Protein backbone atom coordinates (compact mmCIF):
# COMPACT_ATOMS: atom_id res chain seq x y z
CA MET A 1 176.59 100.18 146.26
CA SER A 2 175.00 103.54 146.99
CA ALA A 3 176.87 106.68 147.93
CA PRO A 4 176.89 107.63 151.63
CA MET A 5 174.25 110.16 152.67
CA SER A 6 175.20 113.47 154.23
CA GLU A 7 174.28 113.86 157.88
CA HIS A 8 172.26 117.03 157.33
CA ARG A 9 168.83 116.51 155.86
CA THR A 10 166.10 119.07 155.61
CA PHE A 11 162.40 118.47 155.29
CA GLN A 12 159.53 120.75 154.44
CA LEU A 13 156.13 120.10 155.93
CA THR A 14 153.11 121.17 153.97
CA GLU A 15 149.70 121.33 155.57
CA ALA A 16 146.83 120.53 153.24
CA VAL A 17 143.35 121.67 154.14
CA ALA A 18 140.51 120.32 152.07
CA SER A 19 138.03 122.93 150.96
CA PRO A 20 135.56 122.94 148.11
CA LEU A 21 136.51 124.77 144.96
CA GLU A 22 134.71 128.02 144.45
CA GLY A 23 131.67 127.48 142.30
CA ALA A 24 131.61 123.72 142.95
CA PRO A 25 128.15 122.30 143.67
CA ARG A 26 127.47 121.79 147.35
CA GLN A 27 126.70 118.20 148.25
CA VAL A 28 123.89 117.88 150.74
CA ARG A 29 123.00 114.70 152.55
CA ARG A 30 119.65 113.43 151.47
CA GLN A 31 117.08 112.61 154.12
CA TRP A 32 114.73 109.75 153.27
CA SER A 33 111.40 109.57 155.07
CA ASP A 34 110.52 106.44 156.99
CA GLU A 35 107.59 105.96 154.62
CA PHE A 36 109.88 106.03 151.56
CA LYS A 37 112.26 103.53 153.18
CA ALA A 38 109.38 101.19 154.04
CA GLN A 39 108.07 101.32 150.47
CA ALA A 40 111.54 100.71 149.06
CA VAL A 41 112.10 97.73 151.35
CA ALA A 42 108.68 96.32 150.47
CA LYS A 43 109.52 96.52 146.74
CA THR A 44 112.78 94.64 147.30
CA MET A 45 111.02 91.84 149.20
CA GLN A 46 108.77 91.00 146.22
CA PRO A 47 109.90 88.50 143.59
CA GLY A 48 111.25 90.05 140.42
CA PRO A 49 114.11 92.46 139.83
CA SER A 50 117.18 92.39 142.05
CA VAL A 51 117.58 94.69 145.04
CA SER A 52 120.31 96.60 143.19
CA ALA A 53 118.12 97.13 140.13
CA ILE A 54 115.26 98.45 142.26
CA ALA A 55 117.60 100.73 144.19
CA ARG A 56 119.00 102.25 141.00
CA ARG A 57 115.49 102.72 139.61
CA ILE A 58 114.35 104.72 142.67
CA GLY A 59 117.60 106.73 142.85
CA VAL A 60 119.21 105.10 145.87
CA ASP A 61 122.64 103.53 146.14
CA PRO A 62 122.26 99.74 146.31
CA SER A 63 124.28 99.54 149.54
CA GLN A 64 121.80 101.93 151.16
CA SER A 65 118.92 99.73 150.06
CA PHE A 66 120.59 96.65 151.58
CA THR A 67 121.11 98.57 154.83
CA TRP A 68 117.42 99.49 154.96
CA ARG A 69 116.50 95.83 154.39
CA ARG A 70 118.84 94.68 157.16
CA ASN A 71 117.44 97.26 159.57
CA ALA A 72 113.87 96.28 158.72
CA ARG A 73 114.56 92.67 159.72
CA LEU A 74 115.77 93.64 163.22
């Protein structure tokens, strides 16, 4: 059985604010042109390598490539 707890408890709240470390590289969102997206989607529609393999080859995350394909079908 555990010992009874005292009625007075104290808590400390710490606020954490995320900020980049000094000297850390700044991550910038990449903007892909509509032409690049169309070419990438066209490559993934052809028989051959998988969509993921093509995406890695052109420097795009595979999930992004699948999103472009889904949007192209709409």
